[in-house]
Amino acid sequence: MEFIRTHINSIVGAGTLISHIVFVILIILIAVHPKTRSYLYRFIHRHVLTILFVEALFALIGSLIYSNIVGFPPCDLCWIQRIFIYPQVVIALIAMIKKDKSVVDYLFPMSIIGGLVALYQSFIQWGFAVASVAKCVSVGGECAKVYVDLFGYITIPFMSFTIFAYSLGVMLLYYRARKVHGA
């Protein structure tokens, strides 16, 4: 446990940064390299449920480590984000077992809402003056408190936004792959 408390920010921060770099490279390859785009469509079409399950599971485990092991209390906006990511673990797992890709349609709006909340909280933590819709983001409020700030932009809500954005990206690629492959 002490190892986790001591090294979690370095591990998660480096992982998040590397994932951002890989994400940008993939976007570029999808845009300019037809073979990569075709391969990615096939891969996503085949493994969409597994990918969505693993992403949501990482988010669940990460949030529980930060709150229950490291000791960062989740604020109101963090709880809202959890409301939209935690069920995705169970839904994606059941869908994997049943081989039911139609659940992607249900996970999509959950990721949009959770992602918007995470992005809103990220803007608050980065110091942008955004109209407050929650009392916890007022000056000195818990939602505005920055527990993690890595590489000048990676905060806990931005890690959350990253997961929601990746899930949305996977789902959009899946929708596109479904059109291409006619399934």
N, C-alpha and C. Protein backbone atom coordinates (compact mmCIF):
# COMPACT_ATOMS: atom_id res chain seq x y z
N MET A 1 0.81 -1.20 0.00
CA MET A 1 0.00 0.00 0.00
C MET A 1 0.85 1.27 0.00
N GLU A 2 1.94 1.22 0.74
CA GLU A 2 2.80 2.40 0.81
C GLU A 2 3.41 2.71 -0.55
N PHE A 3 3.75 1.65 -1.31
CA PHE A 3 4.28 1.84 -2.65
C PHE A 3 3.28 2.59 -3.52
N ILE A 4 2.01 2.18 -3.42
CA ILE A 4 0.95 2.83 -4.21
C ILE A 4 0.84 4.30 -3.81
N ARG A 5 0.78 4.57 -2.50
CA ARG A 5 0.68 5.96 -2.03
C ARG A 5 1.84 6.81 -2.53
N THR A 6 3.02 6.23 -2.54
CA THR A 6 4.22 6.97 -2.90
C THR A 6 4.35 7.20 -4.40
N HIS A 7 3.98 6.22 -5.19
CA HIS A 7 4.27 6.26 -6.63
C HIS A 7 3.06 6.40 -7.55
N ILE A 8 1.87 6.46 -7.01
CA ILE A 8 0.68 6.47 -7.86
C ILE A 8 0.66 7.65 -8.84
N ASN A 9 1.01 8.83 -8.38
CA ASN A 9 0.97 10.00 -9.29
C ASN A 9 1.96 9.85 -10.44
N SER A 10 3.16 9.36 -10.15
CA SER A 10 4.15 9.16 -11.21
C SER A 10 3.68 8.12 -12.21
N ILE A 11 3.16 7.02 -11.72
CA ILE A 11 2.72 5.93 -12.60
C ILE A 11 1.53 6.37 -13.45
N VAL A 12 0.52 6.91 -12.80
CA VAL A 12 -0.69 7.31 -13.52
C VAL A 12 -0.40 8.50 -14.43
N GLY A 13 0.40 9.44 -13.96
CA GLY A 13 0.73 10.60 -14.78
C GLY A 13 1.50 10.22 -16.03
N ALA A 14 2.50 9.35 -15.88
CA ALA A 14 3.26 8.90 -17.04
C ALA A 14 2.38 8.10 -17.99
N GLY A 15 1.53 7.24 -17.43
CA GLY A 15 0.61 6.46 -18.26
C GLY A 15 -0.35 7.34 -19.03
N THR A 16 -0.86 8.37 -18.36
CA THR A 16 -1.78 9.30 -19.02
C THR A 16 -1.07 10.07 -20.13
N LEU A 17 0.12 10.57 -19.84
CA LEU A 17 0.88 11.31 -20.85
C LEU A 17 1.20 10.42 -22.06
N ILE A 18 1.66 9.21 -21.81
CA ILE A 18 1.95 8.28 -22.91
C ILE A 18 0.69 7.99 -23.71
N SER A 19 -0.43 7.80 -23.02
CA SER A 19 -1.68 7.53 -23.74
C SER A 19 -2.09 8.72 -24.60
N HIS A 20 -1.83 9.94 -24.14
CA HIS A 20 -2.14 11.13 -24.95
C HIS A 20 -1.28 11.16 -26.22
N ILE A 21 -0.01 10.82 -26.08
CA ILE A 21 0.89 10.81 -27.23
C ILE A 21 0.43 9.74 -28.23
N VAL A 22 0.14 8.55 -27.74
CA VAL A 22 -0.33 7.46 -28.61
C VAL A 22 -1.64 7.85 -29.28
N PHE A 23 -2.53 8.50 -28.54
CA PHE A 23 -3.83 8.93 -29.08
C PHE A 23 -3.63 9.89 -30.25
N VAL A 24 -2.75 10.87 -30.08
CA VAL A 24 -2.49 11.84 -31.15
C VAL A 24 -1.89 11.13 -32.38
N ILE A 25 -0.96 10.22 -32.15
CA ILE A 25 -0.36 9.47 -33.25
C ILE A 25 -1.43 8.65 -33.99
N LEU A 26 -2.31 8.01 -33.23
CA LEU A 26 -3.38 7.23 -33.86
C LEU A 26 -4.31 8.11 -34.69
N ILE A 27 -4.65 9.28 -34.17
CA ILE A 27 -5.52 10.20 -34.92
C ILE A 27 -4.85 10.58 -36.24
N ILE A 28 -3.57 10.88 -36.18
CA ILE A 28 -2.84 11.25 -37.41
C ILE A 28 -2.82 10.07 -38.38
N LEU A 29 -2.52 8.87 -37.87
CA LEU A 29 -2.47 7.69 -38.74
C LEU A 29 -3.84 7.39 -39.35
N ILE A 30 -4.88 7.53 -38.58
CA ILE A 30 -6.23 7.30 -39.11
C ILE A 30 -6.53 8.29 -40.24
N ALA A 31 -6.08 9.51 -40.05
CA ALA A 31 -6.36 10.55 -41.05
C ALA A 31 -5.57 10.35 -42.33
N VAL A 32 -4.33 9.89 -42.24
CA VAL A 32 -3.46 9.88 -43.43
C VAL A 32 -3.06 8.50 -43.94
N HIS A 33 -3.34 7.44 -43.19
CA HIS A 33 -2.85 6.12 -43.58
C HIS A 33 -4.02 5.13 -43.69
N PRO A 34 -4.51 4.88 -44.90
CA PRO A 34 -5.69 4.02 -45.09
C PRO A 34 -5.55 2.60 -44.52
N LYS A 35 -4.36 2.00 -44.61
CA LYS A 35 -4.19 0.64 -44.08
C LYS A 35 -4.35 0.61 -42.56
N THR A 36 -3.78 1.61 -41.88
CA THR A 36 -3.93 1.69 -40.43
C THR A 36 -5.40 1.91 -40.07
N ARG A 37 -6.06 2.79 -40.81
CA ARG A 37 -7.48 3.07 -40.57
C ARG A 37 -8.30 1.80 -40.72
N SER A 38 -8.06 1.06 -41.79
CA SER A 38 -8.79 -0.18 -42.04
C SER A 38 -8.54 -1.22 -40.94
N TYR A 39 -7.26 -1.37 -40.56
CA TYR A 39 -6.93 -2.31 -39.48
C TYR A 39 -7.61 -1.91 -38.18
N LEU A 40 -7.57 -0.62 -37.86
CA LEU A 40 -8.17 -0.15 -36.62
C LEU A 40 -9.69 -0.36 -36.62
N TYR A 41 -10.34 -0.11 -37.74
CA TYR A 41 -11.78 -0.37 -37.84
C TYR A 41 -12.09 -1.83 -37.55
N ARG A 42 -11.33 -2.74 -38.15
CA ARG A 42 -11.56 -4.17 -37.92
C ARG A 42 -11.32 -4.55 -36.46
N PHE A 43 -10.22 -4.02 -35.91
CA PHE A 43 -9.87 -4.33 -34.52
C PHE A 43 -10.95 -3.83 -33.56
N ILE A 44 -11.37 -2.58 -33.74
CA ILE A 44 -12.39 -2.00 -32.87
C ILE A 44 -13.71 -2.75 -33.03
N HIS A 45 -14.07 -3.06 -34.27
CA HIS A 45 -15.32 -3.78 -34.52
C HIS A 45 -15.33 -5.11 -33.78
N ARG A 46 -14.20 -5.78 -33.76
CA ARG A 46 -14.09 -7.09 -33.12
C ARG A 46 -14.02 -6.99 -31.59
N HIS A 47 -13.34 -5.97 -31.07
CA HIS A 47 -13.02 -5.94 -29.63
C HIS A 47 -13.63 -4.76 -28.87
N VAL A 48 -14.63 -4.12 -29.40
CA VAL A 48 -15.16 -2.89 -28.79
C VAL A 48 -15.57 -3.10 -27.33
N LEU A 49 -16.24 -4.19 -27.03
CA LEU A 49 -16.72 -4.41 -25.66
C LEU A 49 -15.57 -4.61 -24.67
N THR A 50 -14.56 -5.34 -25.10
CA THR A 50 -13.40 -5.56 -24.24
C THR A 50 -12.67 -4.25 -23.96
N ILE A 51 -12.50 -3.46 -25.00
CA ILE A 51 -11.81 -2.17 -24.84
C ILE A 51 -12.59 -1.26 -23.90
N LEU A 52 -13.91 -1.17 -24.09
CA LEU A 52 -14.72 -0.31 -23.23
C LEU A 52 -14.72 -0.81 -21.79
N PHE A 53 -14.75 -2.13 -21.61
CA PHE A 53 -14.69 -2.70 -20.26
C PHE A 53 -13.38 -2.35 -19.57
N VAL A 54 -12.27 -2.55 -20.27
CA VAL A 54 -10.95 -2.29 -19.68
C VAL A 54 -10.79 -0.81 -19.35
N GLU A 55 -11.22 0.08 -20.24
CA GLU A 55 -11.13 1.52 -19.96
C GLU A 55 -11.92 1.89 -18.71
N ALA A 56 -13.16 1.40 -18.64
CA ALA A 56 -14.00 1.73 -17.48
C ALA A 56 -13.44 1.11 -16.20
N LEU A 57 -12.90 -0.11 -16.31
CA LEU A 57 -12.31 -0.76 -15.14
C LEU A 57 -11.10 0.02 -14.63
N PHE A 58 -10.24 0.50 -15.54
CA PHE A 58 -9.11 1.34 -15.13
C PHE A 58 -9.59 2.59 -14.40
N ALA A 59 -10.63 3.21 -14.91
CA ALA A 59 -11.17 4.41 -14.26
C ALA A 59 -11.70 4.09 -12.87
N LEU A 60 -12.42 2.99 -12.75
CA LEU A 60 -12.97 2.59 -11.45
C LEU A 60 -11.84 2.33 -10.46
N ILE A 61 -10.87 1.54 -10.87
CA ILE A 61 -9.75 1.20 -9.98
C ILE A 61 -8.96 2.46 -9.62
N GLY A 62 -8.67 3.31 -10.60
CA GLY A 62 -7.93 4.55 -10.34
C GLY A 62 -8.66 5.45 -9.36
N SER A 63 -9.96 5.61 -9.54
CA SER A 63 -10.71 6.50 -8.63
C SER A 63 -10.75 5.93 -7.22
N LEU A 64 -10.87 4.61 -7.11
CA LEU A 64 -10.89 4.00 -5.78
C LEU A 64 -9.52 4.06 -5.11
N ILE A 65 -8.45 3.93 -5.89
CA ILE A 65 -7.11 4.06 -5.31
C ILE A 65 -6.91 5.48 -4.78
N TYR A 66 -7.29 6.48 -5.59
CA TYR A 66 -7.10 7.87 -5.15
C TYR A 66 -7.94 8.18 -3.91
N SER A 67 -9.16 7.67 -3.83
CA SER A 67 -9.99 8.02 -2.67
C SER A 67 -9.76 7.11 -1.48
N ASN A 68 -9.57 5.81 -1.68
CA ASN A 68 -9.50 4.87 -0.55
C ASN A 68 -8.10 4.53 -0.09
N ILE A 69 -7.11 4.64 -0.95
CA ILE A 69 -5.74 4.31 -0.54
C ILE A 69 -4.93 5.59 -0.33
N VAL A 70 -4.95 6.48 -1.32
CA VAL A 70 -4.20 7.73 -1.19
C VAL A 70 -4.89 8.69 -0.22
N GLY A 71 -6.21 8.67 -0.20
CA GLY A 71 -6.94 9.48 0.77
C GLY A 71 -7.49 10.79 0.25
N PHE A 72 -7.57 10.97 -1.07
CA PHE A 72 -8.16 12.18 -1.63
C PHE A 72 -9.68 12.02 -1.61
N PRO A 73 -10.38 12.88 -0.89
CA PRO A 73 -11.85 12.74 -0.83
C PRO A 73 -12.50 13.17 -2.16
N PRO A 74 -13.42 12.35 -2.70
CA PRO A 74 -14.10 12.75 -3.93
C PRO A 74 -15.09 13.88 -3.65
N CYS A 75 -15.08 14.87 -4.52
CA CYS A 75 -16.00 16.00 -4.38
C CYS A 75 -17.31 15.69 -5.10
N ASP A 76 -18.22 16.64 -5.10
CA ASP A 76 -19.52 16.45 -5.75
C ASP A 76 -19.37 16.13 -7.24
N LEU A 77 -18.52 16.89 -7.93
CA LEU A 77 -18.35 16.64 -9.37
C LEU A 77 -17.66 15.30 -9.63
N CYS A 78 -16.78 14.90 -8.73
CA CYS A 78 -16.14 13.58 -8.86
C CYS A 78 -17.19 12.47 -8.73
N TRP A 79 -18.12 12.64 -7.81
CA TRP A 79 -19.17 11.64 -7.64
C TRP A 79 -20.05 11.57 -8.88
N ILE A 80 -20.33 12.70 -9.49
CA ILE A 80 -21.14 12.69 -10.72
C ILE A 80 -20.41 11.92 -11.81
N GLN A 81 -19.09 12.14 -11.93
CA GLN A 81 -18.31 11.40 -12.92
C GLN A 81 -18.34 9.90 -12.62
N ARG A 82 -18.25 9.54 -11.35
CA ARG A 82 -18.29 8.13 -10.97
C ARG A 82 -19.65 7.52 -11.31
N ILE A 83 -20.72 8.30 -11.15
CA ILE A 83 -22.06 7.81 -11.48
C ILE A 83 -22.12 7.39 -12.95
N PHE A 84 -21.37 8.07 -13.81
CA PHE A 84 -21.41 7.78 -15.24
C PHE A 84 -20.35 6.78 -15.70
N ILE A 85 -19.33 6.50 -14.88
CA ILE A 85 -18.31 5.52 -15.31
C ILE A 85 -18.48 4.17 -14.63
N TYR A 86 -18.84 4.12 -13.35
CA TYR A 86 -18.92 2.84 -12.65
C TYR A 86 -19.90 1.86 -13.30
N PRO A 87 -21.11 2.28 -13.67
CA PRO A 87 -22.02 1.32 -14.31
C PRO A 87 -21.49 0.78 -15.65
N GLN A 88 -20.63 1.54 -16.29
CA GLN A 88 -20.10 1.09 -17.57
C GLN A 88 -19.27 -0.19 -17.43
N VAL A 89 -18.64 -0.36 -16.27
CA VAL A 89 -17.86 -1.58 -16.03
C VAL A 89 -18.80 -2.79 -16.07
N VAL A 90 -19.89 -2.70 -15.34
CA VAL A 90 -20.84 -3.81 -15.24
C VAL A 90 -21.54 -4.03 -16.58
N ILE A 91 -21.99 -2.95 -17.20
CA ILE A 91 -22.70 -3.06 -18.47
C ILE A 91 -21.81 -3.68 -19.54
N ALA A 92 -20.58 -3.20 -19.64
CA ALA A 92 -19.65 -3.73 -20.66
C ALA A 92 -19.30 -5.19 -20.37
N LEU A 93 -19.13 -5.54 -19.10
CA LEU A 93 -18.82 -6.93 -18.75
C LEU A 93 -19.97 -7.86 -19.14
N ILE A 94 -21.18 -7.49 -18.79
CA ILE A 94 -22.34 -8.32 -19.15
C ILE A 94 -22.47 -8.40 -20.67
N ALA A 95 -22.26 -7.28 -21.35
CA ALA A 95 -22.34 -7.27 -22.81
C ALA A 95 -21.27 -8.17 -23.43
N MET A 96 -20.06 -8.18 -22.83
CA MET A 96 -18.99 -9.07 -23.33
C MET A 96 -19.43 -10.52 -23.21
N ILE A 97 -19.99 -10.86 -22.07
CA ILE A 97 -20.42 -12.24 -21.83
C ILE A 97 -21.52 -12.63 -22.81
N LYS A 98 -22.46 -11.72 -23.03
CA LYS A 98 -23.59 -12.00 -23.93
C LYS A 98 -23.27 -11.70 -25.40
N LYS A 99 -22.10 -11.11 -25.65
CA LYS A 99 -21.71 -10.70 -27.01
C LYS A 99 -22.76 -9.77 -27.62
N ASP A 100 -23.15 -8.78 -26.82
CA ASP A 100 -24.20 -7.84 -27.22
C ASP A 100 -23.60 -6.45 -27.43
N LYS A 101 -23.24 -6.15 -28.66
CA LYS A 101 -22.62 -4.87 -28.96
C LYS A 101 -23.62 -3.72 -28.98
N SER A 102 -24.89 -4.01 -28.87
CA SER A 102 -25.89 -2.92 -28.89
C SER A 102 -25.78 -2.02 -27.67
N VAL A 103 -25.11 -2.47 -26.62
CA VAL A 103 -24.97 -1.63 -25.42
C VAL A 103 -24.11 -0.40 -25.68
N VAL A 104 -23.36 -0.43 -26.76
CA VAL A 104 -22.55 0.75 -27.10
C VAL A 104 -23.47 1.98 -27.19
N ASP A 105 -24.69 1.77 -27.69
CA ASP A 105 -25.65 2.88 -27.79
C ASP A 105 -26.02 3.45 -26.43
N TYR A 106 -25.96 2.65 -25.38
CA TYR A 106 -26.29 3.10 -24.02
C TYR A 106 -25.09 3.72 -23.33
N LEU A 107 -23.91 3.21 -23.64
CA LEU A 107 -22.69 3.73 -23.02
C LEU A 107 -22.31 5.09 -23.59
N PHE A 108 -22.67 5.34 -24.85
CA PHE A 108 -22.30 6.59 -25.52
C PHE A 108 -22.79 7.82 -24.77
N PRO A 109 -24.09 7.95 -24.46
CA PRO A 109 -24.52 9.15 -23.74
C PRO A 109 -23.95 9.25 -22.33
N MET A 110 -23.70 8.10 -21.70
CA MET A 110 -23.10 8.12 -20.36
C MET A 110 -21.70 8.73 -20.43
N SER A 111 -20.96 8.39 -21.47
CA SER A 111 -19.61 8.94 -21.62
C SER A 111 -19.63 10.42 -22.00
N ILE A 112 -20.62 10.83 -22.77
CA ILE A 112 -20.74 12.26 -23.11
C ILE A 112 -20.99 13.08 -21.85
N ILE A 113 -21.95 12.66 -21.04
CA ILE A 113 -22.29 13.42 -19.83
C ILE A 113 -21.12 13.41 -18.85
N GLY A 114 -20.55 12.24 -18.58
CA GLY A 114 -19.42 12.15 -17.67
C GLY A 114 -18.23 12.96 -18.16
N GLY A 115 -17.99 12.91 -19.46
CA GLY A 115 -16.88 13.67 -20.05
C GLY A 115 -17.07 15.17 -19.93
N LEU A 116 -18.30 15.63 -20.13
CA LEU A 116 -18.57 17.07 -19.99
C LEU A 116 -18.36 17.54 -18.56
N VAL A 117 -18.80 16.74 -17.59
CA VAL A 117 -18.59 17.09 -16.19
C VAL A 117 -17.09 17.11 -15.87
N ALA A 118 -16.34 16.12 -16.36
CA ALA A 118 -14.90 16.06 -16.12
C ALA A 118 -14.18 17.24 -16.77
N LEU A 119 -14.59 17.61 -17.98
CA LEU A 119 -13.98 18.75 -18.66
C LEU A 119 -14.30 20.05 -17.93
N TYR A 120 -15.53 20.19 -17.48
CA TYR A 120 -15.93 21.36 -16.69
C TYR A 120 -15.06 21.50 -15.45
N GLN A 121 -14.90 20.39 -14.71
CA GLN A 121 -14.08 20.44 -13.50
C GLN A 121 -12.61 20.70 -13.85
N SER A 122 -12.15 20.18 -14.96
CA SER A 122 -10.77 20.45 -15.39
C SER A 122 -10.57 21.94 -15.62
N PHE A 123 -11.51 22.58 -16.32
CA PHE A 123 -11.41 24.03 -16.56
C PHE A 123 -11.37 24.78 -15.23
N ILE A 124 -12.20 24.37 -14.29
CA ILE A 124 -12.20 25.01 -12.96
C ILE A 124 -10.82 24.88 -12.33
N GLN A 125 -10.25 23.67 -12.36
CA GLN A 125 -8.96 23.44 -11.71
C GLN A 125 -7.80 24.12 -12.44
N TRP A 126 -7.93 24.33 -13.72
CA TRP A 126 -6.89 25.03 -14.47
C TRP A 126 -6.98 26.53 -14.29
N GLY A 127 -7.99 27.01 -13.57
CA GLY A 127 -8.09 28.43 -13.26
C GLY A 127 -8.91 29.25 -14.24
N PHE A 128 -9.61 28.59 -15.15
CA PHE A 128 -10.47 29.34 -16.06
C PHE A 128 -11.73 29.76 -15.33
N ALA A 129 -12.13 30.99 -15.54
CA ALA A 129 -13.35 31.49 -14.90
C ALA A 129 -14.55 30.92 -15.66
N VAL A 130 -15.17 29.95 -15.05
CA VAL A 130 -16.34 29.31 -15.64
C VAL A 130 -17.49 29.52 -14.68
N ALA A 131 -18.65 29.84 -15.22
CA ALA A 131 -19.82 30.04 -14.37
C ALA A 131 -20.05 28.77 -13.53
N SER A 132 -20.23 28.96 -12.25
CA SER A 132 -20.39 27.84 -11.35
C SER A 132 -21.81 27.29 -11.39
N VAL A 133 -21.94 25.99 -11.62
CA VAL A 133 -23.23 25.33 -11.56
C VAL A 133 -23.30 24.43 -10.32
N ALA A 134 -22.23 24.38 -9.57
CA ALA A 134 -22.20 23.57 -8.36
C ALA A 134 -21.52 24.38 -7.26
N LYS A 135 -22.09 24.31 -6.05
CA LYS A 135 -21.53 25.10 -4.93
C LYS A 135 -20.10 24.69 -4.59
N CYS A 136 -19.71 23.46 -4.93
CA CYS A 136 -18.38 23.00 -4.54
C CYS A 136 -17.27 23.61 -5.38
N VAL A 137 -17.59 24.35 -6.44
CA VAL A 137 -16.54 24.95 -7.25
C VAL A 137 -16.35 26.42 -6.93
N SER A 138 -17.05 26.89 -5.93
CA SER A 138 -16.82 28.28 -5.54
C SER A 138 -15.40 28.40 -5.02
N VAL A 139 -14.91 29.60 -4.87
CA VAL A 139 -13.52 29.83 -4.46
C VAL A 139 -13.22 29.01 -3.21
N GLY A 140 -12.22 28.17 -3.31
CA GLY A 140 -11.83 27.33 -2.18
C GLY A 140 -12.67 26.08 -2.01
N GLY A 141 -13.64 25.86 -2.88
CA GLY A 141 -14.48 24.68 -2.79
C GLY A 141 -13.71 23.42 -3.11
N GLU A 142 -14.22 22.29 -2.67
CA GLU A 142 -13.53 21.02 -2.86
C GLU A 142 -13.33 20.65 -4.32
N CYS A 143 -14.29 20.97 -5.17
CA CYS A 143 -14.15 20.59 -6.59
C CYS A 143 -13.04 21.37 -7.28
N ALA A 144 -12.69 22.53 -6.72
CA ALA A 144 -11.63 23.34 -7.31
C ALA A 144 -10.26 22.98 -6.74
N LYS A 145 -10.23 22.14 -5.70
CA LYS A 145 -8.97 21.77 -5.07
C LYS A 145 -8.19 20.81 -5.97
N VAL A 146 -6.94 21.14 -6.23
CA VAL A 146 -6.09 20.35 -7.12
C VAL A 146 -5.20 19.45 -6.26
N TYR A 147 -5.47 18.14 -6.32
CA TYR A 147 -4.66 17.18 -5.59
C TYR A 147 -3.48 16.69 -6.43
N VAL A 148 -3.67 16.67 -7.75
CA VAL A 148 -2.65 16.18 -8.67
C VAL A 148 -2.51 17.20 -9.79
N ASP A 149 -1.27 17.58 -10.10
CA ASP A 149 -1.00 18.46 -11.24
C ASP A 149 0.31 18.00 -11.86
N LEU A 150 0.21 17.25 -12.93
CA LEU A 150 1.39 16.67 -13.57
C LEU A 150 1.55 17.24 -14.97
N PHE A 151 2.75 17.56 -15.33
CA PHE A 151 3.10 18.07 -16.66
C PHE A 151 2.32 19.34 -17.01
N GLY A 152 1.83 20.04 -16.01
CA GLY A 152 1.15 21.31 -16.23
C GLY A 152 -0.29 21.22 -16.69
N TYR A 153 -0.82 20.01 -16.87
CA TYR A 153 -2.22 19.92 -17.32
C TYR A 153 -2.95 18.67 -16.83
N ILE A 154 -2.25 17.65 -16.39
CA ILE A 154 -2.91 16.41 -15.98
C ILE A 154 -3.34 16.52 -14.52
N THR A 155 -4.64 16.63 -14.32
CA THR A 155 -5.25 16.64 -13.00
C THR A 155 -6.16 15.41 -12.91
N ILE A 156 -6.69 15.14 -11.73
CA ILE A 156 -7.57 13.98 -11.60
C ILE A 156 -8.80 14.11 -12.52
N PRO A 157 -9.48 15.26 -12.55
CA PRO A 157 -10.62 15.33 -13.48
C PRO A 157 -10.20 15.22 -14.95
N PHE A 158 -8.97 15.66 -15.29
CA PHE A 158 -8.55 15.52 -16.68
C PHE A 158 -8.22 14.06 -17.00
N MET A 159 -7.76 13.30 -16.00
CA MET A 159 -7.60 11.86 -16.21
C MET A 159 -8.97 11.24 -16.49
N SER A 160 -9.96 11.67 -15.72
CA SER A 160 -11.33 11.19 -15.93
C SER A 160 -11.82 11.57 -17.32
N PHE A 161 -11.59 12.81 -17.72
CA PHE A 161 -11.99 13.25 -19.06
C PHE A 161 -11.30 12.39 -20.12
N THR A 162 -10.04 12.07 -19.90
CA THR A 162 -9.29 11.25 -20.85
C THR A 162 -9.98 9.91 -21.07
N ILE A 163 -10.39 9.26 -20.00
CA ILE A 163 -11.07 7.96 -20.13
C ILE A 163 -12.38 8.12 -20.89
N PHE A 164 -13.17 9.13 -20.52
CA PHE A 164 -14.44 9.35 -21.23
C PHE A 164 -14.18 9.66 -22.71
N ALA A 165 -13.18 10.47 -23.00
CA ALA A 165 -12.86 10.83 -24.40
C ALA A 165 -12.40 9.59 -25.17
N TYR A 166 -11.57 8.75 -24.57
CA TYR A 166 -11.12 7.54 -25.25
C TYR A 166 -12.31 6.61 -25.50
N SER A 167 -13.18 6.47 -24.52
CA SER A 167 -14.37 5.63 -24.71
C SER A 167 -15.22 6.16 -25.86
N LEU A 168 -15.42 7.47 -25.89
CA LEU A 168 -16.18 8.07 -26.99
C LEU A 168 -15.49 7.84 -28.32
N GLY A 169 -14.18 7.99 -28.34
CA GLY A 169 -13.42 7.74 -29.57
C GLY A 169 -13.57 6.31 -30.05
N VAL A 170 -13.47 5.37 -29.13
CA VAL A 170 -13.63 3.95 -29.48
C VAL A 170 -15.05 3.70 -30.02
N MET A 171 -16.04 4.30 -29.36
CA MET A 171 -17.41 4.10 -29.81
C MET A 171 -17.65 4.72 -31.19
N LEU A 172 -17.08 5.90 -31.43
CA LEU A 172 -17.22 6.53 -32.75
C LEU A 172 -16.54 5.68 -33.83
N LEU A 173 -15.36 5.15 -33.52
CA LEU A 173 -14.70 4.25 -34.46
C LEU A 173 -15.52 2.98 -34.68
N TYR A 174 -16.14 2.49 -33.63
CA TYR A 174 -17.00 1.31 -33.76
C TYR A 174 -18.18 1.61 -34.68
N TYR A 175 -18.83 2.77 -34.49
CA TYR A 175 -19.95 3.14 -35.37
C TYR A 175 -19.49 3.22 -36.82
N ARG A 176 -18.34 3.82 -37.02
CA ARG A 176 -17.79 3.94 -38.38
C ARG A 176 -17.45 2.56 -38.94
N ALA A 177 -16.84 1.71 -38.12
CA ALA A 177 -16.49 0.35 -38.55
C ALA A 177 -17.74 -0.44 -38.90
N ARG A 178 -18.80 -0.23 -38.14
CA ARG A 178 -20.07 -0.93 -38.40
C ARG A 178 -20.61 -0.56 -39.78
N LYS A 179 -20.46 0.71 -40.14
CA LYS A 179 -20.88 1.15 -41.48
C LYS A 179 -20.01 0.52 -42.56
N VAL A 180 -18.70 0.53 -42.32
CA VAL A 180 -17.74 0.01 -43.30
C VAL A 180 -17.93 -1.50 -43.48
N HIS A 181 -18.08 -2.23 -42.36
CA HIS A 181 -18.18 -3.68 -42.42
C HIS A 181 -19.61 -4.17 -42.56
N GLY A 182 -20.57 -3.26 -42.50
CA GLY A 182 -21.97 -3.63 -42.69
C GLY A 182 -22.52 -4.54 -41.62
N ALA A 183 -21.97 -4.50 -40.44
CA ALA A 183 -22.47 -5.37 -39.37
C ALA A 183 -23.21 -4.56 -38.33
